[in-house]
Amino acid sequence: MASQKHQGKAFDPVPDDLESARAKLVYLYIEAAEGATVEEVGEILAMKKINVLSVLGSLVDAGHVEKRESGYAVAN
């Protein structure tokens, strides 16, 4: 289970410039999951693919998330 996998892990705070609740949620999920695909984000967060892509595009443009071969991950 994901909650057990990351139990006790300290997360970095959500970037200050993220104002959208969806953007914060997607960012936190990707951080907790240590990366995710569009499909995983949509399934876990019950979001439509078009909405996931929009949020991820904004997060990538802001430099908070990066697109990788296997999906998306929090930028270092």
N, C-alpha and C. Protein backbone atom coordinates (compact mmCIF):
# COMPACT_ATOMS: atom_id res chain seq x y z
N MET A 1 0.84 -1.18 0.00
CA MET A 1 0.00 0.00 0.00
C MET A 1 0.88 1.24 0.00
N ALA A 2 0.46 2.25 -0.72
CA ALA A 2 1.24 3.47 -0.84
C ALA A 2 1.43 4.16 0.50
N SER A 3 0.40 4.15 1.35
CA SER A 3 0.52 4.82 2.63
C SER A 3 1.57 4.17 3.51
N GLN A 4 1.72 2.86 3.42
CA GLN A 4 2.73 2.18 4.20
C GLN A 4 4.12 2.38 3.59
N LYS A 5 4.18 2.42 2.28
CA LYS A 5 5.45 2.57 1.59
C LYS A 5 6.16 3.87 2.00
N HIS A 6 5.37 4.93 2.19
CA HIS A 6 5.95 6.23 2.47
C HIS A 6 5.76 6.65 3.92
N GLN A 7 5.38 5.73 4.76
CA GLN A 7 5.14 6.06 6.15
C GLN A 7 6.44 6.58 6.77
N GLY A 8 6.35 7.73 7.38
CA GLY A 8 7.51 8.32 8.02
C GLY A 8 8.38 9.15 7.10
N LYS A 9 8.07 9.19 5.81
CA LYS A 9 8.85 9.98 4.88
C LYS A 9 8.49 11.45 5.04
N ALA A 10 9.49 12.29 5.11
CA ALA A 10 9.25 13.73 5.18
C ALA A 10 9.14 14.28 3.77
N PHE A 11 8.10 15.06 3.53
CA PHE A 11 7.89 15.66 2.23
C PHE A 11 8.28 17.13 2.28
N ASP A 12 8.80 17.61 1.15
CA ASP A 12 9.08 19.04 1.04
C ASP A 12 7.76 19.78 1.00
N PRO A 13 7.75 21.02 1.46
CA PRO A 13 6.51 21.78 1.38
C PRO A 13 6.09 22.01 -0.07
N VAL A 14 4.81 22.19 -0.26
CA VAL A 14 4.28 22.51 -1.59
C VAL A 14 4.83 23.88 -1.99
N PRO A 15 5.27 24.04 -3.23
CA PRO A 15 5.79 25.35 -3.66
C PRO A 15 4.77 26.47 -3.41
N ASP A 16 5.27 27.61 -2.95
CA ASP A 16 4.42 28.74 -2.59
C ASP A 16 3.58 29.27 -3.74
N ASP A 17 4.06 29.15 -4.97
CA ASP A 17 3.33 29.73 -6.09
C ASP A 17 2.20 28.84 -6.62
N LEU A 18 1.99 27.68 -6.02
CA LEU A 18 0.87 26.82 -6.41
C LEU A 18 -0.37 27.29 -5.66
N GLU A 19 -1.31 27.86 -6.40
CA GLU A 19 -2.53 28.36 -5.77
C GLU A 19 -3.71 27.42 -5.96
N SER A 20 -3.73 26.68 -7.06
CA SER A 20 -4.83 25.77 -7.37
C SER A 20 -4.79 24.54 -6.46
N ALA A 21 -5.94 24.20 -5.93
CA ALA A 21 -6.03 22.99 -5.10
C ALA A 21 -5.68 21.75 -5.92
N ARG A 22 -6.11 21.71 -7.19
CA ARG A 22 -5.77 20.57 -8.05
C ARG A 22 -4.27 20.47 -8.28
N ALA A 23 -3.63 21.59 -8.52
CA ALA A 23 -2.18 21.58 -8.75
C ALA A 23 -1.45 21.07 -7.52
N LYS A 24 -1.88 21.51 -6.35
CA LYS A 24 -1.26 21.05 -5.09
C LYS A 24 -1.47 19.56 -4.92
N LEU A 25 -2.68 19.09 -5.19
CA LEU A 25 -2.99 17.68 -5.04
C LEU A 25 -2.17 16.82 -5.99
N VAL A 26 -2.10 17.23 -7.26
CA VAL A 26 -1.31 16.48 -8.24
C VAL A 26 0.17 16.49 -7.85
N TYR A 27 0.67 17.65 -7.45
CA TYR A 27 2.08 17.76 -7.04
C TYR A 27 2.36 16.82 -5.87
N LEU A 28 1.51 16.85 -4.86
CA LEU A 28 1.73 16.00 -3.68
C LEU A 28 1.64 14.52 -4.02
N TYR A 29 0.70 14.15 -4.90
CA TYR A 29 0.60 12.75 -5.28
C TYR A 29 1.86 12.29 -6.01
N ILE A 30 2.32 13.09 -6.95
CA ILE A 30 3.52 12.72 -7.71
C ILE A 30 4.72 12.62 -6.78
N GLU A 31 4.81 13.51 -5.82
CA GLU A 31 5.91 13.45 -4.86
C GLU A 31 5.81 12.18 -4.01
N ALA A 32 4.62 11.89 -3.49
CA ALA A 32 4.44 10.72 -2.63
C ALA A 32 4.67 9.42 -3.39
N ALA A 33 4.23 9.39 -4.65
CA ALA A 33 4.38 8.18 -5.46
C ALA A 33 5.76 8.05 -6.08
N GLU A 34 6.57 9.08 -5.90
CA GLU A 34 7.91 9.14 -6.49
C GLU A 34 7.84 9.00 -8.01
N GLY A 35 6.83 9.67 -8.58
CA GLY A 35 6.63 9.69 -10.02
C GLY A 35 5.35 8.97 -10.39
N ALA A 36 4.72 9.41 -11.48
CA ALA A 36 3.47 8.79 -11.90
C ALA A 36 3.18 9.12 -13.35
N THR A 37 2.37 8.29 -13.97
CA THR A 37 1.92 8.54 -15.33
C THR A 37 0.63 9.37 -15.27
N VAL A 38 0.23 9.89 -16.41
CA VAL A 38 -1.02 10.64 -16.51
C VAL A 38 -2.18 9.74 -16.08
N GLU A 39 -2.16 8.50 -16.53
CA GLU A 39 -3.23 7.56 -16.21
C GLU A 39 -3.30 7.28 -14.72
N GLU A 40 -2.15 7.10 -14.07
CA GLU A 40 -2.13 6.85 -12.62
C GLU A 40 -2.69 8.03 -11.85
N VAL A 41 -2.27 9.23 -12.21
CA VAL A 41 -2.76 10.43 -11.53
C VAL A 41 -4.27 10.52 -11.69
N GLY A 42 -4.76 10.34 -12.91
CA GLY A 42 -6.19 10.41 -13.16
C GLY A 42 -6.98 9.38 -12.39
N GLU A 43 -6.48 8.17 -12.35
CA GLU A 43 -7.18 7.09 -11.65
C GLU A 43 -7.20 7.32 -10.14
N ILE A 44 -6.06 7.61 -9.57
CA ILE A 44 -5.96 7.77 -8.12
C ILE A 44 -6.70 9.01 -7.63
N LEU A 45 -6.62 10.09 -8.39
CA LEU A 45 -7.24 11.35 -7.95
C LEU A 45 -8.62 11.58 -8.57
N ALA A 46 -9.12 10.59 -9.30
CA ALA A 46 -10.45 10.68 -9.93
C ALA A 46 -10.59 11.95 -10.76
N MET A 47 -9.61 12.17 -11.63
CA MET A 47 -9.62 13.33 -12.51
C MET A 47 -9.64 12.86 -13.96
N LYS A 48 -10.30 13.64 -14.81
CA LYS A 48 -10.31 13.35 -16.24
C LYS A 48 -8.92 13.61 -16.81
N LYS A 49 -8.58 12.84 -17.84
CA LYS A 49 -7.25 12.94 -18.45
C LYS A 49 -6.95 14.36 -18.92
N ILE A 50 -7.92 15.03 -19.51
CA ILE A 50 -7.70 16.40 -20.01
C ILE A 50 -7.33 17.34 -18.86
N ASN A 51 -7.95 17.14 -17.69
CA ASN A 51 -7.64 17.97 -16.53
C ASN A 51 -6.26 17.66 -15.97
N VAL A 52 -5.92 16.38 -15.94
CA VAL A 52 -4.59 15.97 -15.48
C VAL A 52 -3.52 16.58 -16.38
N LEU A 53 -3.72 16.48 -17.69
CA LEU A 53 -2.75 17.03 -18.63
C LEU A 53 -2.60 18.54 -18.47
N SER A 54 -3.69 19.23 -18.24
CA SER A 54 -3.65 20.68 -18.03
C SER A 54 -2.84 21.04 -16.79
N VAL A 55 -3.12 20.36 -15.70
CA VAL A 55 -2.40 20.62 -14.45
C VAL A 55 -0.93 20.28 -14.60
N LEU A 56 -0.63 19.12 -15.19
CA LEU A 56 0.77 18.73 -15.37
C LEU A 56 1.50 19.72 -16.27
N GLY A 57 0.84 20.21 -17.31
CA GLY A 57 1.45 21.21 -18.18
C GLY A 57 1.83 22.46 -17.40
N SER A 58 0.94 22.90 -16.52
CA SER A 58 1.23 24.08 -15.69
C SER A 58 2.38 23.81 -14.72
N LEU A 59 2.39 22.62 -14.14
CA LEU A 59 3.47 22.28 -13.20
C LEU A 59 4.82 22.18 -13.91
N VAL A 60 4.81 21.64 -15.13
CA VAL A 60 6.04 21.55 -15.92
C VAL A 60 6.51 22.96 -16.29
N ASP A 61 5.60 23.79 -16.78
CA ASP A 61 5.95 25.17 -17.18
C ASP A 61 6.54 25.96 -16.01
N ALA A 62 6.03 25.70 -14.80
CA ALA A 62 6.51 26.41 -13.62
C ALA A 62 7.82 25.81 -13.08
N GLY A 63 8.23 24.65 -13.63
CA GLY A 63 9.48 24.03 -13.20
C GLY A 63 9.37 23.16 -11.96
N HIS A 64 8.15 22.83 -11.55
CA HIS A 64 7.95 22.02 -10.34
C HIS A 64 7.96 20.53 -10.64
N VAL A 65 7.57 20.18 -11.85
CA VAL A 65 7.48 18.78 -12.26
C VAL A 65 8.18 18.66 -13.60
N GLU A 66 8.79 17.50 -13.84
CA GLU A 66 9.43 17.28 -15.14
C GLU A 66 8.88 16.01 -15.77
N LYS A 67 8.77 16.07 -17.09
CA LYS A 67 8.31 14.90 -17.84
C LYS A 67 9.51 13.99 -18.08
N ARG A 68 9.31 12.74 -17.77
CA ARG A 68 10.35 11.74 -17.99
C ARG A 68 9.80 10.65 -18.90
N GLU A 69 10.67 9.78 -19.31
CA GLU A 69 10.26 8.68 -20.20
C GLU A 69 9.13 7.85 -19.60
N SER A 70 9.19 7.63 -18.29
CA SER A 70 8.20 6.77 -17.64
C SER A 70 7.01 7.52 -17.06
N GLY A 71 6.97 8.83 -17.20
CA GLY A 71 5.86 9.61 -16.65
C GLY A 71 6.33 10.97 -16.18
N TYR A 72 5.84 11.39 -15.04
CA TYR A 72 6.18 12.70 -14.48
C TYR A 72 6.75 12.52 -13.09
N ALA A 73 7.68 13.39 -12.71
CA ALA A 73 8.30 13.35 -11.39
C ALA A 73 8.53 14.77 -10.91
N VAL A 74 8.60 14.94 -9.61
CA VAL A 74 8.89 16.24 -9.03
C VAL A 74 10.31 16.62 -9.44
N ALA A 75 10.45 17.85 -9.91
CA ALA A 75 11.77 18.35 -10.33
C ALA A 75 12.66 18.56 -9.11
N ASN A 76 13.92 18.28 -9.28
CA ASN A 76 14.86 18.43 -8.15
C ASN A 76 15.46 19.79 -8.08
